[in-house]
Amino acid sequence: MPAGTINFPDILPPPNYPLGEELEDSTLRSTFEDGTVQTRQKFTRIRTTYTVEWTNLPDTDKSVLQTFYKNDVKGGALAFNWVHPQTGETKLVRFTEPPKFSLTMIKYWQVSISLQEV
């Protein structure tokens, strides 16, 4: 298990599917005048970015997520443990950007967060 001491709120409902996963591009490419391309690996590790969404998150759960983002992880500055909903594996991640909230009906929100492995 990763060494983070902060845990993502486990009271939130499971996210909607599909759950997005995107691998980091770890290749540095140099194109030369004759059309050849030279490549090498930029990083020793390839991180994954996860896109997690909820369609109808109630006000109370939205408030929990906002408080977690603002206070617990200091606006996304701190890493935290997040459990992947498919594998059950705990990942050490951080927010790549602030959560996005859209009011879809009275007291219910569409929410999207982006998390990247640390």
C-alpha atoms as a PDB file:
ATOM      1  CA  MET A   1       0.000   0.000   0.000  1.00  0.00           C
ATOM      2  CA  PRO A   2       1.340   3.487  -0.814  1.00  0.00           C
ATOM      3  CA  ALA A   3       2.771   5.578   1.997  1.00  0.00           C
ATOM      4  CA  GLY A   4       0.164   8.359   2.021  1.00  0.00           C
ATOM      5  CA  THR A   5      -1.475   9.312   5.316  1.00  0.00           C
ATOM      6  CA  ILE A   6      -4.541  11.031   3.826  1.00  0.00           C
ATOM      7  CA  ASN A   7      -7.342   8.846   2.466  1.00  0.00           C
ATOM      8  CA  PHE A   8      -9.975   9.738  -0.136  1.00  0.00           C
ATOM      9  CA  PRO A   9     -13.426   9.925   1.510  1.00  0.00           C
ATOM     10  CA  ASP A  10     -14.852   6.408   1.546  1.00  0.00           C
ATOM     11  CA  ILE A  11     -18.387   7.649   2.223  1.00  0.00           C
ATOM     12  CA  LEU A  12     -18.805   8.834  -1.374  1.00  0.00           C
ATOM     13  CA  PRO A  13     -20.853   6.552  -3.639  1.00  0.00           C
ATOM     14  CA  PRO A  14     -19.069   4.545  -6.355  1.00  0.00           C
ATOM     15  CA  PRO A  15     -18.290   6.614  -9.458  1.00  0.00           C
ATOM     16  CA  ASN A  16     -20.039   6.279 -12.797  1.00  0.00           C
ATOM     17  CA  TYR A  17     -18.630   4.238 -15.627  1.00  0.00           C
ATOM     18  CA  PRO A  18     -16.708   4.478 -17.800  1.00  0.00           C
ATOM     19  CA  LEU A  19     -13.789   5.276 -15.498  1.00  0.00           C
ATOM     20  CA  GLY A  20     -11.121   6.963 -17.606  1.00  0.00           C
ATOM     21  CA  GLU A  21      -7.489   5.852 -17.507  1.00  0.00           C
ATOM     22  CA  GLU A  22      -4.745   7.504 -19.525  1.00  0.00           C
ATOM     23  CA  LEU A  23      -1.095   6.471 -19.522  1.00  0.00           C
ATOM     24  CA  GLU A  24       1.521   9.209 -19.444  1.00  0.00           C
ATOM     25  CA  ASP A  25       3.567   9.619 -22.632  1.00  0.00           C
ATOM     26  CA  SER A  26       7.099   8.867 -21.452  1.00  0.00           C
ATOM     27  CA  THR A  27       8.808   9.064 -24.834  1.00  0.00           C
ATOM     28  CA  LEU A  28      10.976  11.954 -25.962  1.00  0.00           C
ATOM     29  CA  ARG A  29      10.938  12.254 -29.766  1.00  0.00           C
ATOM     30  CA  SER A  30      13.356  14.192 -31.977  1.00  0.00           C
ATOM     31  CA  THR A  31      12.562  14.523 -35.703  1.00  0.00           C
ATOM     32  CA  PHE A  32      15.441  15.259 -38.090  1.00  0.00           C
ATOM     33  CA  GLU A  33      15.457  17.003 -41.485  1.00  0.00           C
ATOM     34  CA  ASP A  34      15.697  13.713 -43.382  1.00  0.00           C
ATOM     35  CA  GLY A  35      12.474  12.491 -41.728  1.00  0.00           C
ATOM     36  CA  THR A  36      14.058  10.086 -39.277  1.00  0.00           C
ATOM     37  CA  VAL A  37      12.899  10.116 -35.687  1.00  0.00           C
ATOM     38  CA  GLN A  38      15.058   9.372 -32.693  1.00  0.00           C
ATOM     39  CA  THR A  39      13.334   8.340 -29.463  1.00  0.00           C
ATOM     40  CA  ARG A  40      14.247   7.673 -25.858  1.00  0.00           C
ATOM     41  CA  GLN A  41      12.400   7.245 -22.605  1.00  0.00           C
ATOM     42  CA  LYS A  42      11.926  10.511 -20.627  1.00  0.00           C
ATOM     43  CA  PHE A  43      10.945   8.917 -17.333  1.00  0.00           C
ATOM     44  CA  THR A  44      11.789   5.697 -15.556  1.00  0.00           C
ATOM     45  CA  ARG A  45       8.124   5.210 -14.647  1.00  0.00           C
ATOM     46  CA  ILE A  46       4.869   5.681 -16.558  1.00  0.00           C
ATOM     47  CA  ARG A  47       2.104   7.204 -14.414  1.00  0.00           C
ATOM     48  CA  THR A  48      -1.626   6.779 -14.979  1.00  0.00           C
ATOM     49  CA  THR A  49      -4.186   9.597 -14.854  1.00  0.00           C
ATOM     50  CA  TYR A  50      -7.723   8.643 -13.821  1.00  0.00           C
ATOM     51  CA  THR A  51     -10.902  10.533 -14.754  1.00  0.00           C
ATOM     52  CA  VAL A  52     -13.583   9.846 -12.149  1.00  0.00           C
ATOM     53  CA  GLU A  53     -17.165  11.102 -12.547  1.00  0.00           C
ATOM     54  CA  TRP A  54     -20.463  11.078 -10.721  1.00  0.00           C
ATOM     55  CA  THR A  55     -23.711  11.972 -12.521  1.00  0.00           C
ATOM     56  CA  ASN A  56     -26.084  12.656  -9.622  1.00  0.00           C
ATOM     57  CA  LEU A  57     -23.998  13.368  -6.525  1.00  0.00           C
ATOM     58  CA  PRO A  58     -26.185  14.725  -3.686  1.00  0.00           C
ATOM     59  CA  ASP A  59     -25.394  18.087  -2.047  1.00  0.00           C
ATOM     60  CA  THR A  60     -24.031  16.388   1.072  1.00  0.00           C
ATOM     61  CA  ASP A  61     -21.537  14.261  -0.894  1.00  0.00           C
ATOM     62  CA  LYS A  62     -20.517  17.264  -3.003  1.00  0.00           C
ATOM     63  CA  SER A  63     -19.788  19.105   0.227  1.00  0.00           C
ATOM     64  CA  VAL A  64     -17.635  16.202   1.475  1.00  0.00           C
ATOM     65  CA  LEU A  65     -15.612  16.235  -1.764  1.00  0.00           C
ATOM     66  CA  GLN A  66     -15.215  20.034  -1.707  1.00  0.00           C
ATOM     67  CA  THR A  67     -14.042  19.982   1.904  1.00  0.00           C
ATOM     68  CA  PHE A  68     -11.595  17.173   1.128  1.00  0.00           C
ATOM     69  CA  TYR A  69     -10.158  19.154  -1.814  1.00  0.00           C
ATOM     70  CA  LYS A  70     -10.005  22.526  -0.042  1.00  0.00           C
ATOM     71  CA  ASN A  71      -8.933  21.500   3.451  1.00  0.00           C
ATOM     72  CA  ASP A  72      -7.541  17.968   3.567  1.00  0.00           C
ATOM     73  CA  VAL A  73      -5.344  18.047   0.448  1.00  0.00           C
ATOM     74  CA  LYS A  74      -4.858  21.835   0.457  1.00  0.00           C
ATOM     75  CA  GLY A  75      -6.343  22.559  -2.961  1.00  0.00           C
ATOM     76  CA  GLY A  76      -4.697  19.559  -4.556  1.00  0.00           C
ATOM     77  CA  ALA A  77      -1.172  20.174  -3.217  1.00  0.00           C
ATOM     78  CA  LEU A  78      -1.029  17.009  -1.108  1.00  0.00           C
ATOM     79  CA  ALA A  79      -1.095  13.391  -2.284  1.00  0.00           C
ATOM     80  CA  PHE A  80      -3.598  10.923  -0.869  1.00  0.00           C
ATOM     81  CA  ASN A  81      -4.644   7.269  -0.998  1.00  0.00           C
ATOM     82  CA  TRP A  82      -7.427   6.429  -3.446  1.00  0.00           C
ATOM     83  CA  VAL A  83      -8.882   2.937  -3.949  1.00  0.00           C
ATOM     84  CA  HIS A  84      -9.392   1.988  -7.596  1.00  0.00           C
ATOM     85  CA  PRO A  85     -13.066   0.913  -7.851  1.00  0.00           C
ATOM     86  CA  GLN A  86     -12.358  -1.967 -10.266  1.00  0.00           C
ATOM     87  CA  THR A  87      -9.190  -3.520  -8.848  1.00  0.00           C
ATOM     88  CA  GLY A  88      -9.517  -2.522  -5.180  1.00  0.00           C
ATOM     89  CA  GLU A  89      -5.840  -1.521  -5.334  1.00  0.00           C
ATOM     90  CA  THR A  90      -4.812   1.535  -3.299  1.00  0.00           C
ATOM     91  CA  LYS A  91      -3.030   4.171  -5.385  1.00  0.00           C
ATOM     92  CA  LEU A  92      -1.115   7.221  -4.156  1.00  0.00           C
ATOM     93  CA  VAL A  93      -2.517  10.081  -6.264  1.00  0.00           C
ATOM     94  CA  ARG A  94      -3.064  13.828  -6.339  1.00  0.00           C
ATOM     95  CA  PHE A  95      -5.572  16.058  -8.114  1.00  0.00           C
ATOM     96  CA  THR A  96      -4.320  17.336 -11.482  1.00  0.00           C
ATOM     97  CA  GLU A  97      -6.871  20.177 -11.449  1.00  0.00           C
ATOM     98  CA  PRO A  98      -9.751  21.387  -9.260  1.00  0.00           C
ATOM     99  CA  PRO A  99     -12.935  19.272  -9.281  1.00  0.00           C
ATOM    100  CA  LYS A 100     -15.611  20.327 -11.772  1.00  0.00           C
ATOM    101  CA  PHE A 101     -19.183  20.694 -10.480  1.00  0.00           C
ATOM    102  CA  SER A 102     -22.376  21.192 -12.519  1.00  0.00           C
ATOM    103  CA  LEU A 103     -25.819  21.428 -10.931  1.00  0.00           C
ATOM    104  CA  THR A 104     -27.956  18.942 -12.883  1.00  0.00           C
ATOM    105  CA  MET A 105     -31.145  19.233 -10.814  1.00  0.00           C
ATOM    106  CA  ILE A 106     -32.053  20.660  -7.433  1.00  0.00           C
ATOM    107  CA  LYS A 107     -29.625  19.232  -4.839  1.00  0.00           C
ATOM    108  CA  TYR A 108     -27.802  16.956  -7.321  1.00  0.00           C
ATOM    109  CA  TRP A 109     -24.485  17.552  -9.074  1.00  0.00           C
ATOM    110  CA  GLN A 110     -22.493  16.196 -11.965  1.00  0.00           C
ATOM    111  CA  VAL A 111     -18.896  15.982 -10.731  1.00  0.00           C
ATOM    112  CA  SER A 112     -15.628  15.212 -12.498  1.00  0.00           C
ATOM    113  CA  ILE A 113     -12.192  14.832 -10.927  1.00  0.00           C
ATOM    114  CA  SER A 114      -8.810  14.019 -12.452  1.00  0.00           C
ATOM    115  CA  LEU A 115      -6.282  12.094 -10.369  1.00  0.00           C
ATOM    116  CA  GLN A 116      -2.677  11.246 -11.288  1.00  0.00           C
ATOM    117  CA  GLU A 117      -0.412   8.686  -9.700  1.00  0.00           C
ATOM    118  CA  VAL A 118       2.437  10.228  -7.740  1.00  0.00           C
END
